[in-house]
Each structure stands twice: as C-alpha cells, then as structure tokens.
Amino acid sequence: MKHKESAFMHWAKTRPKVKYDLALSGMLNLPLAELDPKLSDLELHGDNAYGYRPLVEALAKHRRVAPENVITVAGGTSMANHLAMAALLEHGDEVLIEQPTYDPLLAIAEYLGAQIKRFPRRFEDEFKIDIDALEKQITPATRLIVLTNLHNPSSASVDETTLKRIGALASKVGAHVLVDEVYLEAMSKSAPPASISFGPEFVVTSSLTKGYGLSGLRCGWIFAETVLAEKIRRLDDIFAASAPNVMERLSVLAIKQLAKISARANSMLETNRKTLRALGLPRCRGQRLRLQ
C-alpha cells in the first residue's frame, strides 16, 4: 500500500510556536478548573464497552437525536470521519468531496482507496454548493458525498433546502451523505438540527473540540441510522477496546455546562469579529477569525 499522510496535520503539529497564532482552528483551550470536577468525575474505570451511557444520552439530548443513533468516538471528529468513511466505503468506491475542504477528509478517502471526485464551493459564489453541478458528477457508482457544515475553511453555512436536495440525489443512487458538523457547535443556541434529521442517508460527525476549547477531551461522535450505527460500533472494535472512561465522564460534565462554556466562546468570537471589522479586511459572509 502506498504511504498516506495528511500534509496539513503534519504542518499543524510541527509549525513554530508564536505569540499570536492566526492558524488556530478552534477556541482557546478551556482550563480543567473551569469544569470544577469532583473526584468521582475522574474515575478511571466504568461500564463503557460501547459508549458510556450517560455520555450517549447527553449527546442525544444536546443535538436532539435518538440515543440509538449515537456512536461516541474517542478521537474527536477526525477519528469519527475515519470510522464513518471506513464503514461506508469499499476499496475503489466513488466518493464526491467538496473543494476546498478539510485536508484530512481527503486523506482518509485516499487511505481507504476510494476514487475521489471533487465538487466546487467557489469563493465568488460565497462557497455555496451548486446543486446542478453536483448532480452532473453523481453516477450509479457514487457511494458517498462528503461536505462540511459550517464549511471548513470558509464557515459558510449550508441551508436545509440544499441539504435535503443533496440527500435526495444520494438516495437515487444508493449513496450516503457525510456531513462534518464540528463547526456548527460554534453556533451555540442558533445551530440548526443535525443533518441526520433529514433522512437515513445522512451521517453526521462532530465533537466538542472546535466550538468550546475542549480539544483535550477528544470527545467525538457519529450520528447514523440504527443499522449503520451498530456496524460502526463493531468496526470500532478493531481500533479501540473502549474509550478512556475519565474522558467520557469529563465530557458529560462539560456538556452539562455548555451554556457557560458557550458564553465564554461567544465572548471571544465577538472580540475577534470587532478586531476583523477594525482591520477592514475583506471577508465572505460567515467567515471565522480566530485571534484569541
């Protein structure tokens, strides 16, 4: 097998340390003390063979989905994307991936041996998805359509009507739609419903990482219809016996405090927006700027 890697992730992990890092992809890390954990929240062991039940239920309530559709992932959104694609793709399958997109999404598809086609999200169109152009690229061999919402890197949103049209196109050829929704968490109370609510062809990935400054928890998840969800859980047996129990417990504690954590994040974002406006830099609608 040809060696595969993500050039972006290698750069992100090895870039020089600087005082003001404009390349951060999420909120500043939240100190553990702000979660105010009790000793019981740091318990090392527990019943979490296929997901710590309190965490499954907390995530289901958080995004208004059924618990049986929730797969917890101990590797953030990146591992969630890996598991979802591995469950949905066979070597040689055709996958359509937005352009531009988050580099690891491409790297995973390449690693799995997929035949990759790209559909554009153009700057001059405010990074909207051209449904007609996408439809022309879909074939009976298409097994998966991959996109991010909010879009990474532009932060443009994909509206419900567009998502439903993409789902209908996928259904016609027996394909799925994978939506990486990690940046929807930054929308706090105004976030739209998880895309899985639009039909069983949708698979959603996300985590607590980007929107809340909780990257150290590595709390990721996948939402999928029940049969596919069980397939993904069994696939994860290959990669992990179970997630670190202490991290799952702390994730539950964090979800219970998301209102407070979101307020912190929103305060930072508003400061950044004011800085952006003061600089007078050109920007597309919905663009994010991370100066803190």
Foldseek 3Di string as FASTA:
>chain_A
DDDFDQPVVVCVVPPDDDPWDFPDQAAAADDPVVLVDDPVLQDFDDPQQFHDVLLLVLVCVVQVHDSLQKGKDQAFLLVVLLLLCVLQDAAAFEEEEEPPADRSNVRSCVVRNYHYDYFYQDVVNLREGDLVSVLVPDDLRHAEYEAEACGPPARNGYDPVNLLSVVVSQVVSNHAYEYEDACLVLVPPPRDHDSCVSDQSYKYKYAPPHNQNHVVLSIIMMGHPNVSSVSSSVVCVVVDSGHRSSSSSSVSSCSVVVVVSSVVSVVQQVVQVVVCVVVVDDGRPRGGTHRD
